[in-house]
Amino acid sequence: MREGGRLTTYIRMNKLLNKRTTSPPSLASRQATDHSLPLVHMLFSLFTWGVVVLALAAGVLLLTRDVFLTVLSHAPVSAAPLLLIGAAYLGFQVLLRPKPLDLFKALIVSSAFILWGVDQLLPGGWVATTLGDVVITLYVLDLGWMMIDRLKQRNSIDKEC
């Protein structure tokens, strides 16, 4: 029985390895075949890199502000990394040129970060609370959607084997 189990596992793995995937073309292959607007691509690439670096620096500033730089107001310092990484993710989508559904999913995450950053800048009250609830809902929607997609992929692989 143990040998049969190994053979079954081998057959399942072999089927998975031999299965043709229909994954979208990689960014590199699209870049190699797309000759339109290389300057725009370079600008968005530089924008994305720059804003990601700024977002990381803002995150470091946020952590150090709590200990060393207490003279800085907390709201803009906590909003900066959120706003910057949300904007960088939008620029990143221009580079990736995803399918419409994938772009929609990316916009959910990007808007959640940007709205969270805006929420950090608002004074406490009804608007800030409602905006915070919108952000929570966007994150729950994104994570739930991702998990459902992964479960569907897993179920389809299990059915094929």
N, C-alpha and C. Protein backbone atom coordinates (compact mmCIF):
# COMPACT_ATOMS: atom_id res chain seq x y z
N MET A 1 0.82 -1.19 0.00
CA MET A 1 0.00 0.00 0.00
C MET A 1 0.86 1.25 0.00
N ARG A 2 1.99 1.17 0.69
CA ARG A 2 2.86 2.33 0.75
C ARG A 2 3.43 2.64 -0.64
N GLU A 3 3.82 1.61 -1.39
CA GLU A 3 4.31 1.81 -2.75
C GLU A 3 3.23 2.41 -3.62
N GLY A 4 1.99 1.91 -3.47
CA GLY A 4 0.88 2.44 -4.25
C GLY A 4 0.65 3.91 -3.94
N GLY A 5 0.81 4.28 -2.70
CA GLY A 5 0.66 5.69 -2.31
C GLY A 5 1.71 6.56 -2.97
N ARG A 6 2.94 6.04 -3.03
CA ARG A 6 4.01 6.79 -3.70
C ARG A 6 3.72 6.92 -5.19
N LEU A 7 3.23 5.84 -5.78
CA LEU A 7 2.93 5.86 -7.20
C LEU A 7 1.81 6.86 -7.49
N THR A 8 0.78 6.86 -6.65
CA THR A 8 -0.31 7.81 -6.82
C THR A 8 0.18 9.24 -6.69
N THR A 9 1.01 9.48 -5.71
CA THR A 9 1.59 10.82 -5.53
C THR A 9 2.43 11.20 -6.73
N TYR A 10 3.21 10.25 -7.23
CA TYR A 10 4.04 10.51 -8.41
C TYR A 10 3.18 10.86 -9.61
N ILE A 11 2.11 10.12 -9.81
CA ILE A 11 1.23 10.37 -10.95
C ILE A 11 0.57 11.74 -10.82
N ARG A 12 0.12 12.08 -9.62
CA ARG A 12 -0.51 13.40 -9.40
C ARG A 12 0.49 14.52 -9.67
N MET A 13 1.70 14.38 -9.16
CA MET A 13 2.72 15.41 -9.37
C MET A 13 3.08 15.51 -10.85
N ASN A 14 3.19 14.38 -11.51
CA ASN A 14 3.52 14.38 -12.93
C ASN A 14 2.43 15.09 -13.74
N LYS A 15 1.16 14.85 -13.39
CA LYS A 15 0.06 15.53 -14.07
C LYS A 15 0.15 17.04 -13.86
N LEU A 16 0.46 17.44 -12.64
CA LEU A 16 0.58 18.87 -12.35
C LEU A 16 1.72 19.51 -13.12
N LEU A 17 2.84 18.81 -13.20
CA LEU A 17 4.00 19.36 -13.90
C LEU A 17 3.79 19.41 -15.41
N ASN A 18 3.07 18.44 -15.95
CA ASN A 18 2.86 18.39 -17.38
C ASN A 18 1.68 19.23 -17.85
N LYS A 19 0.88 19.68 -16.91
CA LYS A 19 -0.29 20.49 -17.25
C LYS A 19 0.17 21.82 -17.84
N ARG A 20 -0.41 22.18 -18.95
CA ARG A 20 -0.08 23.46 -19.57
C ARG A 20 -0.80 24.57 -18.81
N THR A 21 -0.04 25.56 -18.48
CA THR A 21 -0.66 26.68 -17.78
C THR A 21 -1.03 27.76 -18.78
N THR A 22 -2.06 28.47 -18.46
CA THR A 22 -2.49 29.57 -19.32
C THR A 22 -2.29 30.88 -18.58
N SER A 23 -1.09 31.02 -18.03
CA SER A 23 -0.82 32.24 -17.28
C SER A 23 -0.60 33.39 -18.25
N PRO A 24 -0.87 34.61 -17.79
CA PRO A 24 -0.68 35.76 -18.66
C PRO A 24 0.79 35.95 -18.95
N PRO A 25 1.09 36.57 -20.08
CA PRO A 25 2.50 36.78 -20.41
C PRO A 25 3.18 37.63 -19.35
N SER A 26 4.44 37.36 -19.12
CA SER A 26 5.17 38.08 -18.09
C SER A 26 5.40 39.52 -18.53
N LEU A 27 5.73 40.34 -17.56
CA LEU A 27 6.01 41.74 -17.83
C LEU A 27 7.17 41.86 -18.80
N ALA A 28 8.20 41.04 -18.62
CA ALA A 28 9.37 41.11 -19.50
C ALA A 28 9.00 40.76 -20.94
N SER A 29 8.15 39.74 -21.14
CA SER A 29 7.79 39.38 -22.51
C SER A 29 6.91 40.44 -23.15
N ARG A 30 6.04 41.08 -22.34
CA ARG A 30 5.23 42.17 -22.89
C ARG A 30 6.10 43.36 -23.25
N GLN A 31 7.12 43.63 -22.43
CA GLN A 31 8.01 44.75 -22.73
C GLN A 31 8.80 44.49 -23.99
N ALA A 32 9.19 43.24 -24.20
CA ALA A 32 9.98 42.91 -25.38
C ALA A 32 9.16 43.07 -26.66
N THR A 33 7.84 42.85 -26.60
CA THR A 33 7.02 42.94 -27.79
C THR A 33 6.32 44.28 -27.91
N ASP A 34 6.31 45.07 -26.87
CA ASP A 34 5.61 46.35 -26.90
C ASP A 34 6.62 47.47 -27.08
N HIS A 35 6.53 48.14 -28.24
CA HIS A 35 7.48 49.21 -28.53
C HIS A 35 6.85 50.58 -28.32
N SER A 36 5.62 50.63 -27.80
CA SER A 36 4.94 51.89 -27.64
C SER A 36 5.34 52.57 -26.35
N LEU A 37 5.66 53.81 -26.46
CA LEU A 37 5.92 54.69 -25.34
C LEU A 37 6.96 54.19 -24.33
N PRO A 38 8.20 53.93 -24.77
CA PRO A 38 9.20 53.50 -23.79
C PRO A 38 9.53 54.60 -22.78
N LEU A 39 9.37 55.86 -23.17
CA LEU A 39 9.65 56.97 -22.24
C LEU A 39 8.61 56.97 -21.11
N VAL A 40 7.35 56.75 -21.44
CA VAL A 40 6.31 56.71 -20.43
C VAL A 40 6.56 55.54 -19.47
N HIS A 41 6.95 54.40 -20.02
CA HIS A 41 7.25 53.23 -19.19
C HIS A 41 8.40 53.56 -18.23
N MET A 42 9.43 54.20 -18.74
CA MET A 42 10.57 54.54 -17.90
C MET A 42 10.16 55.54 -16.81
N LEU A 43 9.32 56.51 -17.18
CA LEU A 43 8.88 57.50 -16.19
C LEU A 43 8.04 56.85 -15.09
N PHE A 44 7.13 55.95 -15.47
CA PHE A 44 6.32 55.27 -14.45
C PHE A 44 7.18 54.35 -13.59
N SER A 45 8.18 53.76 -14.19
CA SER A 45 9.09 52.91 -13.43
C SER A 45 9.87 53.75 -12.41
N LEU A 46 10.38 54.88 -12.84
CA LEU A 46 11.10 55.77 -11.92
C LEU A 46 10.16 56.31 -10.84
N PHE A 47 8.93 56.68 -11.25
CA PHE A 47 7.94 57.15 -10.29
C PHE A 47 7.68 56.09 -9.22
N THR A 48 7.45 54.86 -9.68
CA THR A 48 7.13 53.79 -8.74
C THR A 48 8.29 53.54 -7.79
N TRP A 49 9.50 53.43 -8.34
CA TRP A 49 10.68 53.23 -7.47
C TRP A 49 10.81 54.36 -6.46
N GLY A 50 10.72 55.59 -6.95
CA GLY A 50 10.89 56.74 -6.07
C GLY A 50 9.86 56.81 -4.97
N VAL A 51 8.61 56.55 -5.32
CA VAL A 51 7.55 56.65 -4.32
C VAL A 51 7.63 55.49 -3.33
N VAL A 52 8.04 54.31 -3.79
CA VAL A 52 8.22 53.19 -2.85
C VAL A 52 9.32 53.53 -1.85
N VAL A 53 10.43 54.08 -2.34
CA VAL A 53 11.53 54.46 -1.44
C VAL A 53 11.05 55.53 -0.45
N LEU A 54 10.30 56.51 -0.96
CA LEU A 54 9.75 57.53 -0.06
C LEU A 54 8.80 56.93 0.97
N ALA A 55 7.99 55.97 0.55
CA ALA A 55 7.05 55.32 1.48
C ALA A 55 7.82 54.56 2.57
N LEU A 56 8.87 53.87 2.17
CA LEU A 56 9.69 53.15 3.17
C LEU A 56 10.36 54.13 4.13
N ALA A 57 10.88 55.23 3.58
CA ALA A 57 11.50 56.25 4.44
C ALA A 57 10.46 56.86 5.38
N ALA A 58 9.26 57.07 4.87
CA ALA A 58 8.19 57.62 5.72
C ALA A 58 7.81 56.63 6.82
N GLY A 59 7.86 55.35 6.51
CA GLY A 59 7.60 54.33 7.54
C GLY A 59 8.65 54.35 8.62
N VAL A 60 9.91 54.50 8.22
CA VAL A 60 11.00 54.60 9.20
C VAL A 60 10.83 55.86 10.04
N LEU A 61 10.48 56.97 9.38
CA LEU A 61 10.24 58.22 10.11
C LEU A 61 9.09 58.05 11.11
N LEU A 62 8.05 57.34 10.69
CA LEU A 62 6.91 57.10 11.58
C LEU A 62 7.36 56.34 12.83
N LEU A 63 8.17 55.32 12.65
CA LEU A 63 8.63 54.54 13.81
C LEU A 63 9.58 55.33 14.70
N THR A 64 10.46 56.11 14.09
CA THR A 64 11.41 56.88 14.89
C THR A 64 10.75 58.11 15.51
N ARG A 65 9.71 58.63 14.88
CA ARG A 65 9.02 59.80 15.41
C ARG A 65 8.44 59.52 16.78
N ASP A 66 7.92 58.33 16.97
CA ASP A 66 7.31 57.99 18.25
C ASP A 66 8.31 57.99 19.39
N VAL A 67 9.59 57.75 19.08
CA VAL A 67 10.61 57.67 20.12
C VAL A 67 11.43 58.95 20.20
N PHE A 68 11.87 59.46 19.05
CA PHE A 68 12.86 60.54 19.05
C PHE A 68 12.32 61.90 18.64
N LEU A 69 11.39 61.94 17.72
CA LEU A 69 10.97 63.21 17.14
C LEU A 69 9.54 63.57 17.54
N THR A 70 9.31 63.67 18.80
CA THR A 70 7.94 63.90 19.27
C THR A 70 7.42 65.30 18.94
N VAL A 71 8.26 66.17 18.40
CA VAL A 71 7.79 67.50 18.03
C VAL A 71 6.96 67.46 16.75
N LEU A 72 7.15 66.44 15.92
CA LEU A 72 6.37 66.32 14.69
C LEU A 72 4.96 65.85 15.01
N SER A 73 4.00 66.43 14.31
CA SER A 73 2.61 66.01 14.47
C SER A 73 2.45 64.59 13.94
N HIS A 74 1.72 63.77 14.67
CA HIS A 74 1.60 62.35 14.31
C HIS A 74 0.77 62.12 13.05
N ALA A 75 -0.31 62.88 12.85
CA ALA A 75 -1.23 62.62 11.74
C ALA A 75 -0.54 62.62 10.37
N PRO A 76 0.19 63.67 9.99
CA PRO A 76 0.81 63.64 8.66
C PRO A 76 1.92 62.60 8.55
N VAL A 77 2.61 62.35 9.65
CA VAL A 77 3.69 61.36 9.61
C VAL A 77 3.12 59.96 9.44
N SER A 78 1.97 59.68 10.04
CA SER A 78 1.35 58.36 9.88
C SER A 78 0.62 58.24 8.54
N ALA A 79 0.16 59.35 8.00
CA ALA A 79 -0.55 59.32 6.71
C ALA A 79 0.41 59.15 5.54
N ALA A 80 1.61 59.70 5.64
CA ALA A 80 2.54 59.72 4.51
C ALA A 80 2.86 58.34 3.94
N PRO A 81 3.27 57.34 4.75
CA PRO A 81 3.58 56.04 4.14
C PRO A 81 2.37 55.39 3.48
N LEU A 82 1.19 55.60 4.04
CA LEU A 82 -0.02 55.02 3.47
C LEU A 82 -0.36 55.65 2.12
N LEU A 83 -0.33 56.97 2.08
CA LEU A 83 -0.62 57.68 0.83
C LEU A 83 0.42 57.37 -0.24
N LEU A 84 1.68 57.33 0.16
CA LEU A 84 2.75 57.08 -0.80
C LEU A 84 2.70 55.67 -1.38
N ILE A 85 2.49 54.66 -0.54
CA ILE A 85 2.47 53.29 -1.06
C ILE A 85 1.22 53.06 -1.90
N GLY A 86 0.11 53.71 -1.56
CA GLY A 86 -1.09 53.62 -2.39
C GLY A 86 -0.85 54.22 -3.77
N ALA A 87 -0.18 55.36 -3.81
CA ALA A 87 0.14 55.99 -5.10
C ALA A 87 1.16 55.15 -5.88
N ALA A 88 2.14 54.60 -5.19
CA ALA A 88 3.14 53.75 -5.87
C ALA A 88 2.47 52.53 -6.48
N TYR A 89 1.51 51.95 -5.79
CA TYR A 89 0.83 50.77 -6.31
C TYR A 89 0.01 51.11 -7.56
N LEU A 90 -0.53 52.31 -7.61
CA LEU A 90 -1.22 52.75 -8.83
C LEU A 90 -0.24 52.86 -9.99
N GLY A 91 0.91 53.47 -9.74
CA GLY A 91 1.94 53.56 -10.79
C GLY A 91 2.42 52.19 -11.22
N PHE A 92 2.53 51.28 -10.29
CA PHE A 92 2.95 49.91 -10.58
C PHE A 92 1.96 49.23 -11.52
N GLN A 93 0.67 49.51 -11.34
CA GLN A 93 -0.35 48.91 -12.21
C GLN A 93 -0.21 49.39 -13.65
N VAL A 94 0.19 50.64 -13.82
CA VAL A 94 0.43 51.15 -15.17
C VAL A 94 1.54 50.35 -15.83
N LEU A 95 2.57 49.99 -15.07
CA LEU A 95 3.67 49.19 -15.61
C LEU A 95 3.23 47.77 -15.94
N LEU A 96 2.42 47.18 -15.06
CA LEU A 96 1.99 45.79 -15.25
C LEU A 96 0.94 45.63 -16.35
N ARG A 97 0.11 46.63 -16.51
CA ARG A 97 -1.03 46.58 -17.44
C ARG A 97 -1.83 45.29 -17.26
N PRO A 98 -2.42 45.14 -16.07
CA PRO A 98 -3.16 43.90 -15.78
C PRO A 98 -4.47 43.83 -16.55
N LYS A 99 -5.06 42.64 -16.51
CA LYS A 99 -6.40 42.46 -17.08
C LYS A 99 -7.37 43.31 -16.26
N PRO A 100 -8.53 43.65 -16.84
CA PRO A 100 -9.47 44.53 -16.13
C PRO A 100 -9.86 44.06 -14.73
N LEU A 101 -10.11 42.77 -14.55
CA LEU A 101 -10.50 42.29 -13.23
C LEU A 101 -9.34 42.42 -12.24
N ASP A 102 -8.13 42.09 -12.68
CA ASP A 102 -6.96 42.24 -11.81
C ASP A 102 -6.70 43.71 -11.49
N LEU A 103 -6.94 44.58 -12.47
CA LEU A 103 -6.79 46.02 -12.22
C LEU A 103 -7.81 46.48 -11.18
N PHE A 104 -9.02 45.99 -11.28
CA PHE A 104 -10.06 46.34 -10.31
C PHE A 104 -9.64 45.92 -8.90
N LYS A 105 -9.11 44.71 -8.77
CA LYS A 105 -8.65 44.22 -7.47
C LYS A 105 -7.51 45.11 -6.94
N ALA A 106 -6.59 45.49 -7.83
CA ALA A 106 -5.48 46.35 -7.41
C ALA A 106 -5.98 47.72 -6.99
N LEU A 107 -6.99 48.21 -7.68
CA LEU A 107 -7.55 49.51 -7.31
C LEU A 107 -8.22 49.47 -5.94
N ILE A 108 -8.78 48.32 -5.58
CA ILE A 108 -9.37 48.18 -4.25
C ILE A 108 -8.29 48.35 -3.18
N VAL A 109 -7.18 47.66 -3.36
CA VAL A 109 -6.09 47.74 -2.37
C VAL A 109 -5.49 49.14 -2.35
N SER A 110 -5.22 49.68 -3.53
CA SER A 110 -4.62 51.01 -3.61
C SER A 110 -5.52 52.05 -2.96
N SER A 111 -6.83 52.00 -3.28
CA SER A 111 -7.72 52.98 -2.67
C SER A 111 -7.85 52.79 -1.18
N ALA A 112 -7.75 51.55 -0.71
CA ALA A 112 -7.81 51.32 0.73
C ALA A 112 -6.63 52.01 1.42
N PHE A 113 -5.43 51.89 0.86
CA PHE A 113 -4.27 52.55 1.46
C PHE A 113 -4.41 54.07 1.40
N ILE A 114 -4.83 54.59 0.26
CA ILE A 114 -4.96 56.04 0.12
C ILE A 114 -6.04 56.57 1.07
N LEU A 115 -7.17 55.89 1.14
CA LEU A 115 -8.23 56.34 2.05
C LEU A 115 -7.82 56.22 3.51
N TRP A 116 -7.03 55.21 3.83
CA TRP A 116 -6.53 55.07 5.19
C TRP A 116 -5.62 56.24 5.52
N GLY A 117 -4.79 56.64 4.54
CA GLY A 117 -3.92 57.80 4.74
C GLY A 117 -4.74 59.06 4.95
N VAL A 118 -5.78 59.24 4.16
CA VAL A 118 -6.66 60.40 4.32
C VAL A 118 -7.32 60.36 5.70
N ASP A 119 -7.74 59.17 6.10
CA ASP A 119 -8.39 59.00 7.41
C ASP A 119 -7.46 59.44 8.55
N GLN A 120 -6.17 59.20 8.39
CA GLN A 120 -5.21 59.61 9.43
C GLN A 120 -5.16 61.13 9.58
N LEU A 121 -5.47 61.84 8.51
CA LEU A 121 -5.39 63.31 8.53
C LEU A 121 -6.67 63.98 9.04
N LEU A 122 -7.75 63.22 9.08
CA LEU A 122 -9.03 63.81 9.50
C LEU A 122 -9.14 63.89 11.03
N PRO A 123 -9.81 64.93 11.51
CA PRO A 123 -10.08 64.96 12.95
C PRO A 123 -11.13 63.90 13.28
N GLY A 124 -11.12 63.46 14.53
CA GLY A 124 -12.08 62.46 14.95
C GLY A 124 -13.51 62.93 14.74
N GLY A 125 -14.37 62.03 14.38
CA GLY A 125 -15.76 62.38 14.16
C GLY A 125 -16.41 61.39 13.20
N TRP A 126 -17.64 61.74 12.78
CA TRP A 126 -18.43 60.86 11.94
C TRP A 126 -17.73 60.55 10.61
N VAL A 127 -17.18 61.56 9.95
CA VAL A 127 -16.55 61.36 8.64
C VAL A 127 -15.35 60.42 8.77
N ALA A 128 -14.51 60.67 9.76
CA ALA A 128 -13.33 59.82 9.95
C ALA A 128 -13.73 58.39 10.28
N THR A 129 -14.74 58.23 11.11
CA THR A 129 -15.20 56.89 11.47
C THR A 129 -15.76 56.16 10.25
N THR A 130 -16.57 56.85 9.47
CA THR A 130 -17.15 56.25 8.27
C THR A 130 -16.07 55.89 7.26
N LEU A 131 -15.11 56.79 7.07
CA LEU A 131 -14.02 56.51 6.14
C LEU A 131 -13.19 55.32 6.63
N GLY A 132 -12.96 55.23 7.93
CA GLY A 132 -12.26 54.08 8.49
C GLY A 132 -13.02 52.78 8.24
N ASP A 133 -14.34 52.85 8.34
CA ASP A 133 -15.16 51.66 8.06
C ASP A 133 -15.10 51.27 6.58
N VAL A 134 -15.04 52.25 5.70
CA VAL A 134 -14.88 51.97 4.26
C VAL A 134 -13.55 51.27 4.01
N VAL A 135 -12.50 51.76 4.66
CA VAL A 135 -11.17 51.15 4.51
C VAL A 135 -11.20 49.70 4.99
N ILE A 136 -11.79 49.46 6.13
CA ILE A 136 -11.89 48.09 6.66
C ILE A 136 -12.63 47.20 5.67
N THR A 137 -13.73 47.70 5.14
CA THR A 137 -14.52 46.93 4.18
C THR A 137 -13.72 46.61 2.92
N LEU A 138 -12.94 47.58 2.44
CA LEU A 138 -12.11 47.34 1.25
C LEU A 138 -11.06 46.27 1.51
N TYR A 139 -10.43 46.31 2.67
CA TYR A 139 -9.43 45.28 3.01
C TYR A 139 -10.08 43.90 3.15
N VAL A 140 -11.24 43.85 3.79
CA VAL A 140 -11.95 42.57 3.94
C VAL A 140 -12.36 42.04 2.57
N LEU A 141 -12.87 42.91 1.71
CA LEU A 141 -13.26 42.51 0.36
C LEU A 141 -12.07 41.96 -0.41
N ASP A 142 -10.94 42.66 -0.35
CA ASP A 142 -9.75 42.22 -1.07
C ASP A 142 -9.24 40.88 -0.56
N LEU A 143 -9.09 40.75 0.73
CA LEU A 143 -8.56 39.51 1.30
C LEU A 143 -9.53 38.35 1.10
N GLY A 144 -10.82 38.60 1.27
CA GLY A 144 -11.81 37.55 1.03
C GLY A 144 -11.81 37.09 -0.42
N TRP A 145 -11.74 38.04 -1.34
CA TRP A 145 -11.70 37.72 -2.77
C TRP A 145 -10.47 36.89 -3.09
N MET A 146 -9.34 37.29 -2.53
CA MET A 146 -8.09 36.55 -2.78
C MET A 146 -8.20 35.11 -2.26
N MET A 147 -8.75 34.93 -1.08
CA MET A 147 -8.86 33.59 -0.52
C MET A 147 -9.83 32.73 -1.33
N ILE A 148 -10.94 33.30 -1.77
CA ILE A 148 -11.89 32.55 -2.59
C ILE A 148 -11.23 32.12 -3.90
N ASP A 149 -10.48 33.04 -4.53
CA ASP A 149 -9.78 32.69 -5.77
C ASP A 149 -8.80 31.54 -5.55
N ARG A 150 -8.05 31.61 -4.45
CA ARG A 150 -7.08 30.54 -4.16
C ARG A 150 -7.78 29.21 -3.88
N LEU A 151 -8.89 29.26 -3.16
CA LEU A 151 -9.64 28.03 -2.89
C LEU A 151 -10.19 27.43 -4.19
N LYS A 152 -10.66 28.27 -5.10
CA LYS A 152 -11.14 27.78 -6.39
C LYS A 152 -10.00 27.13 -7.18
N GLN A 153 -8.82 27.77 -7.16
CA GLN A 153 -7.67 27.19 -7.85
C GLN A 153 -7.31 25.84 -7.24
N ARG A 154 -7.32 25.77 -5.96
CA ARG A 154 -6.96 24.52 -5.26
C ARG A 154 -7.97 23.42 -5.59
N ASN A 155 -9.26 23.78 -5.57
CA ASN A 155 -10.30 22.79 -5.88
C ASN A 155 -10.18 22.29 -7.31
N SER A 156 -9.85 23.18 -8.24
CA SER A 156 -9.74 22.74 -9.63
C SER A 156 -8.53 21.85 -9.82
N ILE A 157 -7.45 22.10 -9.10
CA ILE A 157 -6.26 21.23 -9.17
C ILE A 157 -6.57 19.87 -8.55
N ASP A 158 -7.27 19.87 -7.42
CA ASP A 158 -7.64 18.62 -6.76
C ASP A 158 -8.55 17.77 -7.64
N LYS A 159 -9.46 18.40 -8.38
CA LYS A 159 -10.37 17.67 -9.25
C LYS A 159 -9.64 17.05 -10.44
N GLU A 160 -8.59 17.73 -10.93
CA GLU A 160 -7.84 17.22 -12.07
C GLU A 160 -6.98 16.02 -11.72
N CYS A 161 -6.58 15.95 -10.46
CA CYS A 161 -5.68 14.87 -10.06
C CYS A 161 -6.38 13.60 -9.71
